[in-house]
C-alpha atoms as a PDB file:
ATOM      1  CA  MET A   1       0.000   0.000   0.000  1.00  0.00           C
ATOM      2  CA  ARG A   2       1.198   3.488  -0.876  1.00  0.00           C
ATOM      3  CA  PHE A   3       0.082   6.606   0.974  1.00  0.00           C
ATOM      4  CA  ARG A   4       0.641  10.129  -0.244  1.00  0.00           C
ATOM      5  CA  HIS A   5      -0.776  13.632  -0.551  1.00  0.00           C
ATOM      6  CA  ALA A   6      -1.398  14.789  -4.108  1.00  0.00           C
ATOM      7  CA  ASP A   7       0.936  17.405  -5.556  1.00  0.00           C
ATOM      8  CA  ALA A   8      -1.871  19.977  -5.508  1.00  0.00           C
ATOM      9  CA  ILE A   9      -2.259  19.563  -1.739  1.00  0.00           C
ATOM     10  CA  TRP A  10       1.429  20.265  -1.148  1.00  0.00           C
ATOM     11  CA  SER A  11       1.284  23.245  -3.521  1.00  0.00           C
ATOM     12  CA  ASP A  12      -1.804  24.727  -1.856  1.00  0.00           C
ATOM     13  CA  HIS A  13      -0.527  24.151   1.690  1.00  0.00           C
ATOM     14  CA  PRO A  14       3.243  24.719   1.849  1.00  0.00           C
ATOM     15  CA  HIS A  15       3.276  24.575   5.659  1.00  0.00           C
ATOM     16  CA  LEU A  16       1.816  21.066   5.687  1.00  0.00           C
ATOM     17  CA  ALA A  17       3.637  18.514   7.858  1.00  0.00           C
ATOM     18  CA  VAL A  18       2.632  14.847   7.749  1.00  0.00           C
ATOM     19  CA  GLY A  19       3.533  11.772   9.767  1.00  0.00           C
ATOM     20  CA  ALA A  20       2.349   8.238   8.974  1.00  0.00           C
ATOM     21  CA  LEU A  21       2.397   4.985  10.928  1.00  0.00           C
ATOM     22  CA  HIS A  22       1.453   1.410  10.131  1.00  0.00           C
ATOM     23  CA  THR A  23       1.390  -1.599  12.408  1.00  0.00           C
ATOM     24  CA  THR A  24      -0.358  -4.902  12.921  1.00  0.00           C
ATOM     25  CA  GLY A  25      -1.298  -6.771  16.081  1.00  0.00           C
ATOM     26  CA  VAL A  26      -3.550  -4.338  17.954  1.00  0.00           C
ATOM     27  CA  SER A  27      -6.755  -5.373  19.713  1.00  0.00           C
ATOM     28  CA  ARG A  28      -9.167  -4.309  22.437  1.00  0.00           C
ATOM     29  CA  ALA A  29      -7.075  -6.169  24.991  1.00  0.00           C
ATOM     30  CA  ALA A  30      -5.212  -3.220  26.492  1.00  0.00           C
ATOM     31  CA  ASP A  31      -5.728  -0.820  29.372  1.00  0.00           C
ATOM     32  CA  VAL A  32      -4.782   2.615  28.066  1.00  0.00           C
ATOM     33  CA  GLY A  33      -6.747   4.494  30.727  1.00  0.00           C
ATOM     34  CA  PRO A  34      -3.777   5.846  32.710  1.00  0.00           C
ATOM     35  CA  ARG A  35      -2.009   7.093  29.580  1.00  0.00           C
ATOM     36  CA  VAL A  36      -5.179   8.628  28.176  1.00  0.00           C
ATOM     37  CA  ALA A  37      -5.648  10.430  31.497  1.00  0.00           C
ATOM     38  CA  GLU A  38      -2.108  11.786  31.341  1.00  0.00           C
ATOM     39  CA  TYR A  39      -2.452  13.184  27.826  1.00  0.00           C
ATOM     40  CA  THR A  40      -5.904  14.646  28.418  1.00  0.00           C
ATOM     41  CA  ALA A  41      -4.631  16.270  31.634  1.00  0.00           C
ATOM     42  CA  ARG A  42      -1.927  17.949  29.582  1.00  0.00           C
ATOM     43  CA  ALA A  43      -4.570  19.302  27.214  1.00  0.00           C
ATOM     44  CA  LEU A  44      -6.827  20.421  30.066  1.00  0.00           C
ATOM     45  CA  ALA A  45      -3.951  22.353  31.635  1.00  0.00           C
ATOM     46  CA  ARG A  46      -3.450  24.201  28.376  1.00  0.00           C
ATOM     47  CA  LEU A  47      -7.179  24.817  27.990  1.00  0.00           C
ATOM     48  CA  ALA A  48      -7.212  26.382  31.450  1.00  0.00           C
ATOM     49  CA  ASP A  49      -5.035  29.165  30.073  1.00  0.00           C
ATOM     50  CA  ALA A  50      -6.881  29.690  26.774  1.00  0.00           C
ATOM     51  CA  PRO A  51      -9.706  28.071  24.778  1.00  0.00           C
ATOM     52  CA  GLU A  52      -8.806  25.863  21.838  1.00  0.00           C
ATOM     53  CA  GLY A  53      -9.790  28.594  19.377  1.00  0.00           C
ATOM     54  CA  ARG A  54      -6.673  30.523  20.404  1.00  0.00           C
ATOM     55  CA  PHE A  55      -4.242  27.649  19.903  1.00  0.00           C
ATOM     56  CA  PRO A  56      -1.850  28.314  16.969  1.00  0.00           C
ATOM     57  CA  GLU A  57      -2.346  24.715  15.807  1.00  0.00           C
ATOM     58  CA  VAL A  58      -6.121  25.196  15.626  1.00  0.00           C
ATOM     59  CA  LEU A  59      -5.994  28.684  14.139  1.00  0.00           C
ATOM     60  CA  ALA A  60      -3.831  27.373  11.306  1.00  0.00           C
ATOM     61  CA  TRP A  61      -6.408  24.707  10.434  1.00  0.00           C
ATOM     62  CA  ARG A  62      -9.179  27.314  10.619  1.00  0.00           C
ATOM     63  CA  ARG A  63      -7.305  29.352   8.010  1.00  0.00           C
ATOM     64  CA  VAL A  64      -6.987  26.273   5.820  1.00  0.00           C
ATOM     65  CA  PHE A  65     -10.699  25.544   6.091  1.00  0.00           C
ATOM     66  CA  THR A  66     -11.505  29.152   5.224  1.00  0.00           C
ATOM     67  CA  ARG A  67      -9.309  28.925   2.109  1.00  0.00           C
ATOM     68  CA  MET A  68     -11.199  25.747   1.158  1.00  0.00           C
ATOM     69  CA  GLY A  69     -14.458  27.715   1.291  1.00  0.00           C
ATOM     70  CA  LEU A  70     -15.641  26.210   4.578  1.00  0.00           C
ATOM     71  CA  LYS A  71     -16.943  28.087   7.593  1.00  0.00           C
ATOM     72  CA  PRO A  72     -14.367  27.088  10.238  1.00  0.00           C
ATOM     73  CA  THR A  73     -16.773  27.298  13.169  1.00  0.00           C
ATOM     74  CA  GLN A  74     -19.207  25.010  11.350  1.00  0.00           C
ATOM     75  CA  TYR A  75     -16.650  22.510  10.104  1.00  0.00           C
ATOM     76  CA  ARG A  76     -13.816  22.003  12.575  1.00  0.00           C
ATOM     77  CA  CYS A  77     -10.683  19.939  12.243  1.00  0.00           C
ATOM     78  CA  ALA A  78     -10.793  16.770  14.340  1.00  0.00           C
ATOM     79  CA  SER A  79      -8.405  17.995  17.025  1.00  0.00           C
ATOM     80  CA  GLU A  80     -10.385  21.185  17.559  1.00  0.00           C
ATOM     81  CA  SER A  81     -13.602  19.186  17.937  1.00  0.00           C
ATOM     82  CA  LEU A  82     -11.970  16.908  20.498  1.00  0.00           C
ATOM     83  CA  LEU A  83     -10.473  19.825  22.413  1.00  0.00           C
ATOM     84  CA  ARG A  84     -13.819  21.601  22.424  1.00  0.00           C
ATOM     85  CA  ARG A  85     -15.525  18.510  23.814  1.00  0.00           C
ATOM     86  CA  LEU A  86     -12.802  18.052  26.399  1.00  0.00           C
ATOM     87  CA  ARG A  87     -13.114  21.675  27.548  1.00  0.00           C
ATOM     88  CA  LYS A  88     -16.893  21.392  27.914  1.00  0.00           C
ATOM     89  CA  GLU A  89     -17.157  17.884  29.386  1.00  0.00           C
ATOM     90  CA  GLY A  90     -13.773  17.358  31.021  1.00  0.00           C
ATOM     91  CA  THR A  91     -13.291  13.997  29.326  1.00  0.00           C
ATOM     92  CA  LEU A  92     -13.243  12.267  25.951  1.00  0.00           C
ATOM     93  CA  PRO A  93     -15.512   9.425  24.814  1.00  0.00           C
ATOM     94  CA  ARG A  94     -14.192   5.871  25.204  1.00  0.00           C
ATOM     95  CA  ILE A  95     -14.439   4.055  21.878  1.00  0.00           C
ATOM     96  CA  HIS A  96     -11.599   1.551  21.460  1.00  0.00           C
ATOM     97  CA  PRO A  97      -8.186   1.503  23.184  1.00  0.00           C
ATOM     98  CA  VAL A  98      -6.350   2.449  19.975  1.00  0.00           C
ATOM     99  CA  VAL A  99      -8.776   5.254  19.159  1.00  0.00           C
ATOM    100  CA  ASP A 100      -8.830   6.477  22.759  1.00  0.00           C
ATOM    101  CA  LEU A 101      -5.050   6.648  22.814  1.00  0.00           C
ATOM    102  CA  CYS A 102      -4.810   8.472  19.486  1.00  0.00           C
ATOM    103  CA  ASN A 103      -7.546  10.917  20.497  1.00  0.00           C
ATOM    104  CA  ALA A 104      -5.689  11.671  23.731  1.00  0.00           C
ATOM    105  CA  VAL A 105      -2.451  12.303  21.851  1.00  0.00           C
ATOM    106  CA  SER A 106      -4.382  14.478  19.417  1.00  0.00           C
ATOM    107  CA  VAL A 107      -5.612  16.812  22.166  1.00  0.00           C
ATOM    108  CA  ALA A 108      -2.224  16.793  23.904  1.00  0.00           C
ATOM    109  CA  TYR A 109      -0.519  18.060  20.750  1.00  0.00           C
ATOM    110  CA  ALA A 110      -3.592  19.888  19.350  1.00  0.00           C
ATOM    111  CA  VAL A 111      -3.230  18.367  15.865  1.00  0.00           C
ATOM    112  CA  PRO A 112      -5.502  15.961  13.976  1.00  0.00           C
ATOM    113  CA  VAL A 113      -4.695  12.260  14.262  1.00  0.00           C
ATOM    114  CA  ALA A 114      -6.530   9.889  11.923  1.00  0.00           C
ATOM    115  CA  VAL A 115      -6.509   6.174  12.716  1.00  0.00           C
ATOM    116  CA  LEU A 116      -7.915   3.763  10.127  1.00  0.00           C
ATOM    117  CA  ASP A 117      -8.491   0.027  10.027  1.00  0.00           C
ATOM    118  CA  ALA A 118      -5.942  -0.701   7.283  1.00  0.00           C
ATOM    119  CA  ASP A 119      -7.760  -3.853   6.187  1.00  0.00           C
ATOM    120  CA  ARG A 120     -10.752  -1.684   5.247  1.00  0.00           C
ATOM    121  CA  VAL A 121      -8.710   0.438   2.834  1.00  0.00           C
ATOM    122  CA  THR A 122      -8.358  -0.772  -0.764  1.00  0.00           C
ATOM    123  CA  GLY A 123      -4.900  -0.475  -2.302  1.00  0.00           C
ATOM    124  CA  PRO A 124      -2.577  -0.042  -3.930  1.00  0.00           C
ATOM    125  CA  LEU A 125      -2.984   3.699  -3.225  1.00  0.00           C
ATOM    126  CA  LEU A 126      -4.498   5.824  -0.478  1.00  0.00           C
ATOM    127  CA  GLU A 127      -4.215   9.476  -1.445  1.00  0.00           C
ATOM    128  CA  VAL A 128      -5.183  12.756   0.156  1.00  0.00           C
ATOM    129  CA  ARG A 129      -6.514  14.654  -2.846  1.00  0.00           C
ATOM    130  CA  HIS A 130      -9.323  16.780  -4.215  1.00  0.00           C
ATOM    131  CA  ALA A 131     -12.475  14.746  -4.733  1.00  0.00           C
ATOM    132  CA  ARG A 132     -13.927  14.174  -8.172  1.00  0.00           C
ATOM    133  CA  GLY A 133     -17.415  13.900  -6.704  1.00  0.00           C
ATOM    134  CA  ASP A 134     -18.024  10.221  -7.418  1.00  0.00           C
ATOM    135  CA  GLU A 135     -16.219   8.855  -4.338  1.00  0.00           C
ATOM    136  CA  GLU A 136     -18.362   7.037  -1.776  1.00  0.00           C
ATOM    137  CA  TYR A 137     -18.162   8.015   1.879  1.00  0.00           C
ATOM    138  CA  THR A 138     -19.824   5.906   4.584  1.00  0.00           C
ATOM    139  CA  THR A 139     -21.144   7.750   7.618  1.00  0.00           C
ATOM    140  CA  PHE A 140     -20.933   6.249  11.106  1.00  0.00           C
ATOM    141  CA  GLY A 141     -24.674   5.694  10.834  1.00  0.00           C
ATOM    142  CA  GLY A 142     -24.207   3.571   7.716  1.00  0.00           C
ATOM    143  CA  GLY A 143     -25.401   6.138   5.184  1.00  0.00           C
ATOM    144  CA  THR A 144     -23.614   7.018   1.951  1.00  0.00           C
ATOM    145  CA  GLU A 145     -22.407  10.485   0.976  1.00  0.00           C
ATOM    146  CA  HIS A 146     -20.392  11.820  -1.938  1.00  0.00           C
ATOM    147  CA  PRO A 147     -17.737  14.462  -1.196  1.00  0.00           C
ATOM    148  CA  ALA A 148     -18.280  17.556  -3.297  1.00  0.00           C
ATOM    149  CA  PRO A 149     -15.980  17.962  -6.315  1.00  0.00           C
ATOM    150  CA  GLY A 150     -12.845  19.747  -5.132  1.00  0.00           C
ATOM    151  CA  GLU A 151     -13.313  18.785  -1.482  1.00  0.00           C
ATOM    152  CA  VAL A 152     -10.151  17.360   0.094  1.00  0.00           C
ATOM    153  CA  THR A 153     -10.585  13.722   1.037  1.00  0.00           C
ATOM    154  CA  TYR A 154      -8.674  10.502   1.666  1.00  0.00           C
ATOM    155  CA  ALA A 155      -9.459   8.367  -1.404  1.00  0.00           C
ATOM    156  CA  ASP A 156      -8.435   4.753  -1.954  1.00  0.00           C
ATOM    157  CA  SER A 157      -8.090   2.765  -5.156  1.00  0.00           C
ATOM    158  CA  ALA A 158     -11.697   1.573  -4.999  1.00  0.00           C
ATOM    159  CA  GLY A 159     -12.972   5.146  -5.044  1.00  0.00           C
ATOM    160  CA  ARG A 160     -13.968   5.051  -1.396  1.00  0.00           C
ATOM    161  CA  ALA A 161     -13.584   8.272   0.601  1.00  0.00           C
ATOM    162  CA  HIS A 162     -12.220   7.736   4.097  1.00  0.00           C
ATOM    163  CA  ALA A 163     -12.693  11.355   5.223  1.00  0.00           C
ATOM    164  CA  ARG A 164     -14.845  14.396   4.616  1.00  0.00           C
ATOM    165  CA  ARG A 165     -13.360  17.879   4.367  1.00  0.00           C
ATOM    166  CA  TRP A 166      -9.825  16.604   4.946  1.00  0.00           C
ATOM    167  CA  THR A 167      -9.407  16.549   8.740  1.00  0.00           C
ATOM    168  CA  ASN A 168     -13.037  17.269   9.620  1.00  0.00           C
ATOM    169  CA  ARG A 169     -14.615  13.803   9.789  1.00  0.00           C
ATOM    170  CA  GLN A 170     -13.432  10.235   9.230  1.00  0.00           C
ATOM    171  CA  SER A 171     -15.399   7.424   7.602  1.00  0.00           C
ATOM    172  CA  GLY A 172     -17.375   4.764   9.397  1.00  0.00           C
ATOM    173  CA  HIS A 173     -16.214   2.228   6.817  1.00  0.00           C
ATOM    174  CA  SER A 174     -12.594   2.214   8.002  1.00  0.00           C
ATOM    175  CA  ALA A 175     -13.261   2.989  11.664  1.00  0.00           C
ATOM    176  CA  VAL A 176     -11.304   0.896  14.159  1.00  0.00           C
ATOM    177  CA  GLY A 177     -13.498  -1.741  15.784  1.00  0.00           C
ATOM    178  CA  ASP A 178     -13.593  -5.096  17.551  1.00  0.00           C
ATOM    179  CA  HIS A 179     -12.057  -6.993  14.638  1.00  0.00           C
ATOM    180  CA  THR A 180      -9.306  -4.504  13.854  1.00  0.00           C
ATOM    181  CA  SER A 181      -5.766  -5.875  13.909  1.00  0.00           C
ATOM    182  CA  ARG A 182      -3.919  -3.678  11.436  1.00  0.00           C
ATOM    183  CA  ILE A 183      -3.995   0.124  11.616  1.00  0.00           C
ATOM    184  CA  PHE A 184      -2.809   3.081   9.618  1.00  0.00           C
ATOM    185  CA  VAL A 185      -2.342   6.392  11.454  1.00  0.00           C
ATOM    186  CA  VAL A 186      -1.820   9.867   9.985  1.00  0.00           C
ATOM    187  CA  VAL A 187      -0.810  12.993  11.902  1.00  0.00           C
ATOM    188  CA  GLU A 188      -1.135  16.324  10.065  1.00  0.00           C
ATOM    189  CA  ALA A 189      -0.254  19.893  11.008  1.00  0.00           C
ATOM    190  CA  VAL A 190      -0.243  23.197   9.139  1.00  0.00           C
ATOM    191  CA  HIS A 191       1.041  25.661  11.762  1.00  0.00           C
ATOM    192  CA  ASP A 192       4.535  27.147  11.992  1.00  0.00           C
ATOM    193  CA  GLY A 193       6.694  24.522  13.651  1.00  0.00           C
ATOM    194  CA  GLY A 194       4.248  21.806  12.647  1.00  0.00           C
ATOM    195  CA  ALA A 195       6.962  19.415  11.514  1.00  0.00           C
ATOM    196  CA  ASP A 196       8.405  19.265  15.039  1.00  0.00           C
ATOM    197  CA  THR A 197       4.934  18.725  16.498  1.00  0.00           C
ATOM    198  CA  VAL A 198       4.199  15.918  14.056  1.00  0.00           C
ATOM    199  CA  VAL A 199       7.482  14.157  14.816  1.00  0.00           C
ATOM    200  CA  GLU A 200       6.839  14.293  18.569  1.00  0.00           C
ATOM    201  CA  ALA A 201       3.208  13.182  18.266  1.00  0.00           C
ATOM    202  CA  LEU A 202       4.146  10.320  15.953  1.00  0.00           C
ATOM    203  CA  ARG A 203       6.909   9.139  18.271  1.00  0.00           C
ATOM    204  CA  THR A 204       4.490   9.280  21.182  1.00  0.00           C
ATOM    205  CA  ILE A 205       1.899   7.172  19.378  1.00  0.00           C
ATOM    206  CA  ALA A 206       4.516   4.634  18.276  1.00  0.00           C
ATOM    207  CA  ARG A 207       5.894   4.388  21.813  1.00  0.00           C
ATOM    208  CA  GLU A 208       2.450   3.893  23.347  1.00  0.00           C
ATOM    209  CA  LEU A 209       1.389   1.292  20.781  1.00  0.00           C
ATOM    210  CA  THR A 210       4.592  -0.643  21.390  1.00  0.00           C
ATOM    211  CA  ALA A 211       4.140  -0.501  25.152  1.00  0.00           C
ATOM    212  CA  HIS A 212       0.519  -1.656  25.158  1.00  0.00           C
ATOM    213  CA  TRP A 213       0.472  -4.195  22.332  1.00  0.00           C
ATOM    214  CA  ARG A 214       4.162  -5.054  21.820  1.00  0.00           C
ATOM    215  CA  VAL A 215       3.862  -4.254  18.131  1.00  0.00           C
ATOM    216  CA  THR A 216       6.599  -2.954  15.822  1.00  0.00           C
ATOM    217  CA  PRO A 217       5.285   0.180  14.079  1.00  0.00           C
ATOM    218  CA  ALA A 218       6.760   1.498  10.866  1.00  0.00           C
ATOM    219  CA  THR A 219       6.700   5.304  10.756  1.00  0.00           C
ATOM    220  CA  ALA A 220       7.708   8.043   8.361  1.00  0.00           C
ATOM    221  CA  LEU A 221       7.696  11.823   8.143  1.00  0.00           C
ATOM    222  CA  LEU A 222       6.447  12.954   4.736  1.00  0.00           C
ATOM    223  CA  THR A 223       7.865  16.117   3.177  1.00  0.00           C
ATOM    224  CA  PRO A 224       7.702  17.888  -0.207  1.00  0.00           C
ATOM    225  CA  SER A 225      10.847  15.985  -1.188  1.00  0.00           C
ATOM    226  CA  ALA A 226       9.713  12.625   0.281  1.00  0.00           C
ATOM    227  CA  ARG A 227       5.977  12.522  -0.292  1.00  0.00           C
ATOM    228  CA  GLU A 228       5.133   8.824  -0.220  1.00  0.00           C
ATOM    229  CA  PHE A 229       4.985   6.158   2.483  1.00  0.00           C
ATOM    230  CA  THR A 230       4.843   2.533   1.384  1.00  0.00           C
ATOM    231  CA  PHE A 231       3.853  -0.166   3.818  1.00  0.00           C
ATOM    232  CA  SER A 232       3.316  -3.887   3.518  1.00  0.00           C
ATOM    233  CA  ASP A 233       0.056  -5.733   3.943  1.00  0.00           C
ATOM    234  CA  GLU A 234       2.000  -8.400   5.818  1.00  0.00           C
ATOM    235  CA  PRO A 235       2.801  -8.372   9.570  1.00  0.00           C
ATOM    236  CA  LEU A 236       5.759  -6.136  10.288  1.00  0.00           C
ATOM    237  CA  SER A 237       9.054  -7.473  11.581  1.00  0.00           C
ATOM    238  CA  GLY A 238      10.927  -4.241  12.247  1.00  0.00           C
ATOM    239  CA  THR A 239      10.548  -0.597  13.153  1.00  0.00           C
ATOM    240  CA  ARG A 240      11.507   2.351  11.046  1.00  0.00           C
ATOM    241  CA  ALA A 241      11.743   5.570  13.011  1.00  0.00           C
ATOM    242  CA  ALA A 242      10.523   8.890  11.701  1.00  0.00           C
ATOM    243  CA  PRO A 243      13.371  11.190  10.658  1.00  0.00           C
END
């Protein structure tokens, strides 16, 4: 499987920083509660000083959404939505240990973290690109939508959209669930210094996955000069650290 952002995405968003991770061997059999509490506490401490709408990481995504023709207070990037919920409710929903952990890291670093069931993505290519309008997106309720032409989405080789409005909403089709064993994770940032944030968040996720499931993640930092991450559909036998 190859993962990349289309050339037009890099051209339109020169501050984009991307980290990717693939691993196999995860399950529900892990207690991530203490680590989730630690990362959400870090986010809550920051929220005590200022609401998420003032975070540079969030403001940068709001500018991106505005440039895409979206009202940023109507369509929020995933990390802003999680931070907003955390500020209002003091906690995050418990869904699945992998998702809970990635959501907690997302609020700790204030950047979107997408985690997909890799076996629900059709290769050989998963690409972040502008939609043609014929891609199929499955809602968490089981309904079908079609991203508008020009909307940024994650599209696989079967024409299935795994996100709406880039970092706004993931697909129910590739959501991590009870039968998930193999995952693909993407961390994206568009603020100044985003590359450093992405590296740290990706290392944190890899470290936590290894500690809780004893897996061997493969990770990579994608850049304008190294835009593609290739990962095997077979169980991994080694770890490749992000640069």
